[in-house]
Amino acid sequence: MSAPRTTAPPGEREAVTAVPVRHHGRYIAAVIAIALFAAIIHAFSQGKINWGAVPDYFLDRRILDGVGQTLILTVLSMAIGIIGGIILAVMRLSKNPVTSSISWFYIWFFRGTPVLVQLFVWFNLGLVFEYIDLGPFYKDEWSDFMTPFLTALLGLGLNEAAYMAEICRAGLLSVEEGQTEASHALGMSHGKTLRRVVIPQVMRVIVPPTGNEVINMLKTTSLVAAVQYDELLRQAQDIGQTSGAPVEMLFLAAVWYLVLTSILSVGQYCLERHYARGSSRSLPPTPLQKIRATLLSVRRPKGVTA
């Protein structure tokens, strides 16, 4: 920022006029970005796509059923993932070499294989286990037991547990060892130390990435269409085949995913602000505060006299 000086009478301080530096590159980049965005919108508008089919089927009963199944699968899979991740993280940090090795192998296997492959394996385990026999409680053929819903739930939930285990382990390791040693010196057991001292502190560390995993899980549920589970994507594909608008229904599914992930993003943002209260003196600005600050910076005068 340049600061031209003005002459002043002897004995008086010279007035300094601050002139903001012009960032011409920013304006050029903004114009180019807007032009590219407009060109993409124009190309899609001129394509051979029946955009009217999107609002026509947006609130269709089958689509809404698919949205409901997607949300149910997301919640249940994340519940399995979070519970399993906590157990695996504690096992991984255990001094028992057997339990820590089992946890390491589980994480290695489920993180090292694609989710789609795991879904197909669960769906076709009837080739290995012809029957499932739980004694007097349950006995049936594997093909009848492993329904598309159970396949999707196990495939997504058990895979998510491997990722949540690493998130939980990072949170547990973020607590200083001195606090654990002090708890043990007071006579608290290892389990009580985790419940009373460690876990309340690690929540601030694991909540943001867990929120990100929830959003990712919502999108990952689209893979279960391959095992014939009637979630959002499969319902959209079925409507596309019968209505003659397969591509349009894919755009419709994309819009619904954007709506759902946007809602979850708002929830994640609120949780992050809540847990940031104990770690920073000032909370991060809200989107409205950022917009207000941007507008005020645009309207400020070109020169400020100090």
Foldseek 3Di string as FASTA:
>chain_A
DDWDWDDDPPPDDIWTKDFDDDDVVVVVVVVVVVVVVVVVVVVVVPDPADLVVLVVCLPPPLLVVQAVLLVVLLVLLLVLQQVLLLCLLCQCPDPPPVSVVVSVVLLCVLVVDDLLVQLVCLQPCCVVVQWDDPDPPDIDGSNVVCALSNSSSCSRNSSSNSVSNVQVNVLQVVDDVVQVVVCVVVVDDPVRCCVPPRVVRSCLRNLLVSLVVSLVSSVVSLSSVVVVDSHNLVSLCVCCVVVVRNVSSVVSSVVVSVVVSVVSVVVSLVVNQVSCVVVDPDGDDDPVVVVVVVVVVVPDDRMDID
